[in-house]
N, C-alpha and C. Protein backbone atom coordinates (compact mmCIF):
# COMPACT_ATOMS: atom_id res chain seq x y z
N MET A 1 -22.32 -8.46 -4.45
CA MET A 1 -21.97 -9.34 -3.35
C MET A 1 -21.21 -8.57 -2.27
N PHE A 2 -20.30 -7.71 -2.69
CA PHE A 2 -19.52 -6.90 -1.75
C PHE A 2 -20.44 -6.01 -0.92
N LYS A 3 -21.48 -5.50 -1.56
CA LYS A 3 -22.38 -4.58 -0.88
C LYS A 3 -23.16 -5.26 0.24
N ASN A 4 -23.26 -6.58 0.23
CA ASN A 4 -23.99 -7.32 1.26
C ASN A 4 -23.17 -7.52 2.54
N LEU A 5 -21.88 -7.22 2.48
CA LEU A 5 -21.03 -7.38 3.65
C LEU A 5 -21.28 -6.26 4.66
N SER A 6 -20.96 -6.52 5.91
CA SER A 6 -21.14 -5.49 6.94
C SER A 6 -20.17 -4.34 6.69
N HIS A 7 -20.51 -3.20 7.22
CA HIS A 7 -19.68 -2.01 7.06
C HIS A 7 -18.26 -2.26 7.60
N GLY A 8 -18.17 -2.93 8.75
CA GLY A 8 -16.87 -3.21 9.36
C GLY A 8 -16.01 -4.11 8.48
N VAL A 9 -16.61 -5.10 7.85
CA VAL A 9 -15.87 -6.00 6.97
C VAL A 9 -15.39 -5.23 5.74
N LYS A 10 -16.24 -4.38 5.19
CA LYS A 10 -15.85 -3.58 4.03
C LYS A 10 -14.65 -2.68 4.36
N ILE A 11 -14.70 -2.04 5.53
CA ILE A 11 -13.58 -1.19 5.96
C ILE A 11 -12.32 -2.03 6.13
N SER A 12 -12.47 -3.20 6.73
CA SER A 12 -11.32 -4.08 6.94
C SER A 12 -10.71 -4.54 5.61
N ILE A 13 -11.56 -4.81 4.64
CA ILE A 13 -11.06 -5.21 3.31
C ILE A 13 -10.27 -4.06 2.70
N THR A 14 -10.82 -2.87 2.77
CA THR A 14 -10.13 -1.69 2.23
C THR A 14 -8.78 -1.50 2.90
N ARG A 15 -8.75 -1.61 4.22
CA ARG A 15 -7.49 -1.46 4.95
C ARG A 15 -6.49 -2.54 4.56
N SER A 16 -6.97 -3.76 4.40
CA SER A 16 -6.05 -4.84 4.04
C SER A 16 -5.43 -4.60 2.67
N ILE A 17 -6.20 -4.07 1.76
CA ILE A 17 -5.67 -3.77 0.43
C ILE A 17 -4.62 -2.68 0.55
N SER A 18 -4.94 -1.61 1.27
CA SER A 18 -4.00 -0.49 1.43
C SER A 18 -2.70 -0.94 2.09
N LYS A 19 -2.83 -1.65 3.20
CA LYS A 19 -1.63 -2.08 3.92
C LYS A 19 -0.77 -3.00 3.08
N ALA A 20 -1.39 -3.98 2.44
CA ALA A 20 -0.63 -4.93 1.62
C ALA A 20 0.01 -4.22 0.43
N TYR A 21 -0.72 -3.31 -0.20
CA TYR A 21 -0.18 -2.61 -1.36
C TYR A 21 0.99 -1.72 -0.97
N GLU A 22 0.83 -0.95 0.10
CA GLU A 22 1.91 -0.07 0.53
C GLU A 22 3.12 -0.88 0.98
N GLN A 23 2.90 -2.03 1.63
CA GLN A 23 4.03 -2.87 2.03
C GLN A 23 4.73 -3.46 0.80
N TYR A 24 3.94 -3.93 -0.15
CA TYR A 24 4.52 -4.47 -1.39
C TYR A 24 5.33 -3.39 -2.11
N MET A 25 4.76 -2.20 -2.23
CA MET A 25 5.46 -1.13 -2.92
C MET A 25 6.74 -0.73 -2.17
N ALA A 26 6.69 -0.74 -0.85
CA ALA A 26 7.90 -0.45 -0.07
C ALA A 26 8.96 -1.53 -0.33
N ASP A 27 8.52 -2.77 -0.40
CA ASP A 27 9.46 -3.87 -0.66
C ASP A 27 10.18 -3.71 -1.99
N ILE A 28 9.50 -3.13 -2.97
CA ILE A 28 10.12 -2.92 -4.28
C ILE A 28 10.57 -1.45 -4.44
N LYS A 29 10.63 -0.75 -3.32
CA LYS A 29 11.07 0.66 -3.28
C LYS A 29 10.28 1.54 -4.26
N TRP A 30 8.99 1.27 -4.35
CA TRP A 30 8.06 2.04 -5.19
C TRP A 30 8.51 2.11 -6.65
N SER A 31 9.19 1.09 -7.10
CA SER A 31 9.64 1.04 -8.49
C SER A 31 8.51 0.55 -9.40
N GLU A 32 8.07 1.42 -10.27
CA GLU A 32 7.02 1.02 -11.21
C GLU A 32 7.51 -0.06 -12.16
N LYS A 33 8.80 -0.07 -12.44
CA LYS A 33 9.37 -1.10 -13.31
C LYS A 33 9.34 -2.47 -12.65
N ALA A 34 9.51 -2.49 -11.33
CA ALA A 34 9.54 -3.76 -10.60
C ALA A 34 8.14 -4.26 -10.25
N TYR A 35 7.13 -3.40 -10.38
CA TYR A 35 5.77 -3.77 -10.01
C TYR A 35 5.26 -4.92 -10.86
N ASN A 36 4.66 -5.88 -10.17
CA ASN A 36 4.06 -7.03 -10.84
C ASN A 36 2.76 -7.35 -10.12
N LEU A 37 1.64 -7.26 -10.82
CA LEU A 37 0.34 -7.48 -10.21
C LEU A 37 0.24 -8.85 -9.56
N GLU A 38 0.76 -9.87 -10.21
CA GLU A 38 0.69 -11.22 -9.64
C GLU A 38 1.45 -11.29 -8.31
N ASP A 39 2.61 -10.63 -8.25
CA ASP A 39 3.38 -10.61 -7.00
C ASP A 39 2.61 -9.88 -5.91
N PHE A 40 2.00 -8.75 -6.28
CA PHE A 40 1.20 -8.02 -5.28
C PHE A 40 0.06 -8.89 -4.77
N MET A 41 -0.62 -9.59 -5.67
CA MET A 41 -1.75 -10.42 -5.26
C MET A 41 -1.30 -11.53 -4.31
N LYS A 42 -0.11 -12.07 -4.52
CA LYS A 42 0.42 -13.08 -3.60
C LYS A 42 0.66 -12.47 -2.22
N VAL A 43 1.20 -11.25 -2.20
CA VAL A 43 1.44 -10.55 -0.93
C VAL A 43 0.11 -10.30 -0.23
N TRP A 44 -0.87 -9.81 -1.00
CA TRP A 44 -2.17 -9.52 -0.41
C TRP A 44 -2.84 -10.78 0.11
N LYS A 45 -2.76 -11.87 -0.65
CA LYS A 45 -3.35 -13.14 -0.22
C LYS A 45 -2.73 -13.60 1.10
N LYS A 46 -1.42 -13.52 1.18
CA LYS A 46 -0.75 -13.91 2.42
C LYS A 46 -1.19 -13.00 3.58
N TYR A 47 -1.28 -11.71 3.30
CA TYR A 47 -1.69 -10.76 4.33
C TYR A 47 -3.09 -11.06 4.84
N ILE A 48 -4.04 -11.28 3.92
CA ILE A 48 -5.41 -11.50 4.38
C ILE A 48 -5.56 -12.82 5.12
N GLU A 49 -4.77 -13.80 4.75
CA GLU A 49 -4.87 -15.09 5.42
C GLU A 49 -4.21 -15.09 6.80
N THR A 50 -3.27 -14.18 7.03
CA THR A 50 -2.54 -14.19 8.30
C THR A 50 -2.83 -12.99 9.20
N SER A 51 -3.25 -11.86 8.62
CA SER A 51 -3.35 -10.64 9.42
C SER A 51 -4.68 -9.89 9.33
N ALA A 52 -5.47 -10.14 8.33
CA ALA A 52 -6.70 -9.36 8.13
C ALA A 52 -7.85 -9.94 8.95
N SER A 53 -8.49 -9.08 9.73
CA SER A 53 -9.59 -9.54 10.59
C SER A 53 -10.81 -9.96 9.78
N TRP A 54 -11.00 -9.39 8.60
CA TRP A 54 -12.20 -9.68 7.82
C TRP A 54 -12.22 -11.09 7.25
N TYR A 55 -11.06 -11.65 6.99
CA TYR A 55 -10.98 -12.92 6.27
C TYR A 55 -11.72 -14.04 6.99
N GLY A 56 -11.61 -14.07 8.30
CA GLY A 56 -12.30 -15.10 9.07
C GLY A 56 -13.78 -14.84 9.25
N LYS A 57 -14.21 -13.63 8.95
CA LYS A 57 -15.62 -13.26 9.12
C LYS A 57 -16.46 -13.52 7.88
N VAL A 58 -15.81 -13.80 6.76
CA VAL A 58 -16.53 -14.05 5.51
C VAL A 58 -16.58 -15.56 5.30
N ASP A 59 -17.78 -16.07 5.07
CA ASP A 59 -17.93 -17.52 4.95
C ASP A 59 -17.27 -18.05 3.67
N ALA A 60 -16.97 -19.33 3.69
CA ALA A 60 -16.25 -19.98 2.59
C ALA A 60 -17.03 -19.90 1.27
N GLU A 61 -18.35 -19.99 1.35
CA GLU A 61 -19.17 -19.91 0.14
C GLU A 61 -19.01 -18.55 -0.55
N THR A 62 -19.01 -17.49 0.24
CA THR A 62 -18.82 -16.15 -0.31
C THR A 62 -17.43 -16.02 -0.91
N LYS A 63 -16.42 -16.49 -0.19
CA LYS A 63 -15.04 -16.39 -0.67
C LYS A 63 -14.83 -17.16 -1.97
N ALA A 64 -15.62 -18.19 -2.19
CA ALA A 64 -15.47 -19.01 -3.40
C ALA A 64 -16.29 -18.47 -4.58
N ASP A 65 -17.17 -17.52 -4.32
CA ASP A 65 -18.06 -17.00 -5.36
C ASP A 65 -17.32 -16.10 -6.34
N PRO A 66 -17.40 -16.38 -7.64
CA PRO A 66 -16.72 -15.55 -8.65
C PRO A 66 -17.15 -14.07 -8.60
N LYS A 67 -18.41 -13.82 -8.26
CA LYS A 67 -18.89 -12.44 -8.16
C LYS A 67 -18.15 -11.70 -7.04
N PHE A 68 -17.88 -12.39 -5.94
CA PHE A 68 -17.12 -11.79 -4.83
C PHE A 68 -15.73 -11.42 -5.32
N HIS A 69 -15.12 -12.28 -6.11
CA HIS A 69 -13.78 -12.00 -6.64
C HIS A 69 -13.80 -10.82 -7.61
N GLU A 70 -14.84 -10.72 -8.40
CA GLU A 70 -14.98 -9.56 -9.28
C GLU A 70 -15.11 -8.28 -8.47
N ASP A 71 -15.93 -8.34 -7.42
CA ASP A 71 -16.10 -7.17 -6.55
C ASP A 71 -14.78 -6.80 -5.87
N LEU A 72 -14.04 -7.81 -5.44
CA LEU A 72 -12.74 -7.55 -4.81
C LEU A 72 -11.77 -6.91 -5.80
N ALA A 73 -11.77 -7.39 -7.02
CA ALA A 73 -10.88 -6.81 -8.04
C ALA A 73 -11.21 -5.34 -8.26
N LEU A 74 -12.49 -5.02 -8.31
CA LEU A 74 -12.89 -3.62 -8.46
C LEU A 74 -12.44 -2.80 -7.25
N LYS A 75 -12.60 -3.37 -6.07
CA LYS A 75 -12.20 -2.66 -4.84
C LYS A 75 -10.68 -2.47 -4.82
N ILE A 76 -9.93 -3.47 -5.22
CA ILE A 76 -8.47 -3.35 -5.27
C ILE A 76 -8.08 -2.21 -6.20
N ASN A 77 -8.67 -2.17 -7.38
CA ASN A 77 -8.36 -1.10 -8.33
C ASN A 77 -8.73 0.27 -7.76
N GLU A 78 -9.87 0.34 -7.09
CA GLU A 78 -10.32 1.60 -6.49
C GLU A 78 -9.34 2.07 -5.41
N VAL A 79 -8.95 1.16 -4.53
CA VAL A 79 -8.05 1.52 -3.43
C VAL A 79 -6.68 1.93 -3.96
N ILE A 80 -6.15 1.19 -4.90
CA ILE A 80 -4.84 1.53 -5.47
C ILE A 80 -4.92 2.89 -6.18
N GLY A 81 -6.00 3.11 -6.89
CA GLY A 81 -6.19 4.41 -7.54
C GLY A 81 -6.22 5.55 -6.54
N LYS A 82 -6.89 5.31 -5.42
CA LYS A 82 -6.96 6.35 -4.38
C LYS A 82 -5.58 6.61 -3.78
N ILE A 83 -4.82 5.56 -3.54
CA ILE A 83 -3.47 5.72 -2.98
C ILE A 83 -2.64 6.61 -3.91
N TRP A 84 -2.69 6.31 -5.20
CA TRP A 84 -1.89 7.07 -6.16
C TRP A 84 -2.40 8.49 -6.37
N SER A 85 -3.66 8.74 -6.05
CA SER A 85 -4.22 10.08 -6.29
C SER A 85 -4.04 11.03 -5.10
N GLU A 86 -3.67 10.50 -3.94
CA GLU A 86 -3.47 11.36 -2.77
C GLU A 86 -2.11 12.05 -2.87
N GLU A 87 -2.15 13.35 -3.06
CA GLU A 87 -0.92 14.11 -3.23
C GLU A 87 -0.15 14.22 -1.92
N PRO A 88 1.18 14.31 -2.01
CA PRO A 88 1.99 14.50 -0.80
C PRO A 88 1.59 15.80 -0.11
N THR A 89 1.71 15.81 1.20
CA THR A 89 1.39 17.02 1.96
C THR A 89 2.53 18.03 1.81
N LYS A 90 2.26 19.26 2.14
CA LYS A 90 3.29 20.30 2.10
C LYS A 90 4.43 19.95 3.05
N ASP A 91 4.08 19.41 4.21
CA ASP A 91 5.12 18.99 5.17
C ASP A 91 5.99 17.88 4.61
N GLN A 92 5.38 16.93 3.94
CA GLN A 92 6.15 15.84 3.33
C GLN A 92 7.08 16.38 2.26
N ILE A 93 6.59 17.27 1.43
CA ILE A 93 7.40 17.84 0.35
C ILE A 93 8.59 18.59 0.94
N ALA A 94 8.35 19.37 1.99
CA ALA A 94 9.43 20.13 2.63
C ALA A 94 10.46 19.19 3.26
N GLU A 95 9.97 18.18 3.96
CA GLU A 95 10.89 17.23 4.61
C GLU A 95 11.70 16.46 3.57
N LEU A 96 11.07 16.03 2.50
CA LEU A 96 11.79 15.32 1.44
C LEU A 96 12.82 16.21 0.77
N SER A 97 12.48 17.45 0.58
CA SER A 97 13.43 18.39 -0.03
C SER A 97 14.68 18.51 0.84
N GLU A 98 14.46 18.62 2.14
CA GLU A 98 15.59 18.75 3.07
C GLU A 98 16.42 17.45 3.10
N LEU A 99 15.75 16.32 3.16
CA LEU A 99 16.47 15.04 3.20
C LEU A 99 17.24 14.79 1.90
N ARG A 100 16.64 15.12 0.79
CA ARG A 100 17.32 14.94 -0.50
C ARG A 100 18.58 15.80 -0.55
N GLU A 101 18.48 17.01 -0.03
CA GLU A 101 19.63 17.91 -0.03
C GLU A 101 20.74 17.38 0.88
N GLN A 102 20.36 16.92 2.06
CA GLN A 102 21.33 16.40 3.02
C GLN A 102 22.06 15.17 2.49
N LEU A 103 21.32 14.32 1.78
CA LEU A 103 21.89 13.06 1.33
C LEU A 103 22.35 13.08 -0.12
N GLY A 104 22.05 14.14 -0.83
CA GLY A 104 22.42 14.21 -2.25
C GLY A 104 21.67 13.20 -3.09
N GLU A 105 20.46 12.88 -2.67
CA GLU A 105 19.63 11.90 -3.39
C GLU A 105 18.74 12.62 -4.39
N ASP A 106 18.44 11.94 -5.48
CA ASP A 106 17.52 12.48 -6.46
C ASP A 106 16.58 11.36 -6.89
N PHE A 107 15.30 11.59 -6.72
CA PHE A 107 14.29 10.60 -7.07
C PHE A 107 12.97 11.32 -7.25
N ASP A 108 12.05 10.66 -7.90
CA ASP A 108 10.71 11.20 -8.09
C ASP A 108 9.74 10.49 -7.16
N TYR A 109 8.73 11.20 -6.74
CA TYR A 109 7.65 10.60 -5.97
C TYR A 109 6.37 11.32 -6.38
N SER A 110 5.26 10.63 -6.29
CA SER A 110 4.05 11.24 -6.82
C SER A 110 2.83 11.18 -5.91
N CYS A 111 2.92 10.45 -4.83
CA CYS A 111 1.75 10.36 -3.96
C CYS A 111 2.16 10.39 -2.49
N LYS A 112 1.18 10.57 -1.65
CA LYS A 112 1.40 10.69 -0.21
C LYS A 112 2.08 9.44 0.37
N ALA A 113 1.62 8.27 -0.02
CA ALA A 113 2.19 7.02 0.50
C ALA A 113 3.62 6.83 0.04
N GLU A 114 3.91 7.18 -1.20
CA GLU A 114 5.27 7.08 -1.71
C GLU A 114 6.19 8.08 -1.00
N ALA A 115 5.67 9.27 -0.76
CA ALA A 115 6.45 10.28 -0.03
C ALA A 115 6.77 9.78 1.37
N LYS A 116 5.79 9.16 2.04
CA LYS A 116 6.02 8.61 3.38
C LYS A 116 7.12 7.55 3.34
N PHE A 117 7.06 6.69 2.33
CA PHE A 117 8.10 5.67 2.18
C PHE A 117 9.48 6.32 2.09
N TYR A 118 9.62 7.32 1.22
CA TYR A 118 10.92 7.96 1.04
C TYR A 118 11.37 8.72 2.28
N ILE A 119 10.46 9.31 3.00
CA ILE A 119 10.83 9.99 4.25
C ILE A 119 11.41 8.97 5.23
N ASP A 120 10.71 7.86 5.41
CA ASP A 120 11.20 6.81 6.32
C ASP A 120 12.53 6.24 5.83
N TYR A 121 12.60 5.95 4.56
CA TYR A 121 13.81 5.37 3.96
C TYR A 121 15.00 6.31 4.09
N LEU A 122 14.81 7.57 3.76
CA LEU A 122 15.92 8.53 3.81
C LEU A 122 16.32 8.86 5.23
N ASN A 123 15.38 8.86 6.16
CA ASN A 123 15.74 9.06 7.56
C ASN A 123 16.61 7.91 8.06
N GLU A 124 16.30 6.69 7.64
CA GLU A 124 17.14 5.54 8.00
C GLU A 124 18.53 5.67 7.38
N GLU A 125 18.59 6.09 6.12
CA GLU A 125 19.88 6.29 5.44
C GLU A 125 20.70 7.37 6.15
N LEU A 126 20.03 8.43 6.59
CA LEU A 126 20.70 9.51 7.30
C LEU A 126 21.27 9.01 8.63
N LYS A 127 20.51 8.18 9.35
CA LYS A 127 20.99 7.60 10.60
C LYS A 127 22.23 6.74 10.35
N LYS A 128 22.19 5.93 9.31
CA LYS A 128 23.34 5.08 8.97
C LYS A 128 24.55 5.92 8.65
N LYS A 129 24.35 6.99 7.91
CA LYS A 129 25.44 7.87 7.50
C LYS A 129 26.08 8.55 8.72
N LYS A 130 25.26 8.91 9.69
CA LYS A 130 25.77 9.57 10.89
C LYS A 130 26.50 8.60 11.80
N ASN A 131 26.14 7.31 11.73
CA ASN A 131 26.79 6.29 12.58
C ASN A 131 28.09 5.78 12.00
N ILE A 132 28.40 6.13 10.77
CA ILE A 132 29.64 5.63 10.14
C ILE A 132 30.82 6.39 10.64
C-alpha cells in the first residue's frame, strides 16, 4: 500500500517520522530509559495531524486500511534504525569534546542526531553559564 503513494508523499512521511522522532528524543534528552514507543507514537500522531503535508494528501480510506498501518510501522522502524545508524561527524565529535571539557559534562552519544542534540543543548548551557 505504501508503494502506491506518490514519491513526494513517501518523502514527506519519512521526514515526518524523522522530525517527530528527533523532537521526541530531544524532549526526553535522548534517554533510552525514558523512551516509550506509545509516547513517541502520540507525538508523531500529533505532528502528522498538525504539521505534516502528506497527511491531508492521503485519503481517509487509505489511512484506515490496516495494511497501510503495517507499512507505516515498517517505515517507522526503518527510519528510526537509520537515525541510530548515522555516526556523528568528525566535526560533531570535536565540538562535543570541546564543550564537554568546558562544561565538565560527561555523557554518551551514539548517533549524528543525538550528537546534534547535545551540541545544541551544551551550547545553551554554556550561554547560561556565561550570563550568570
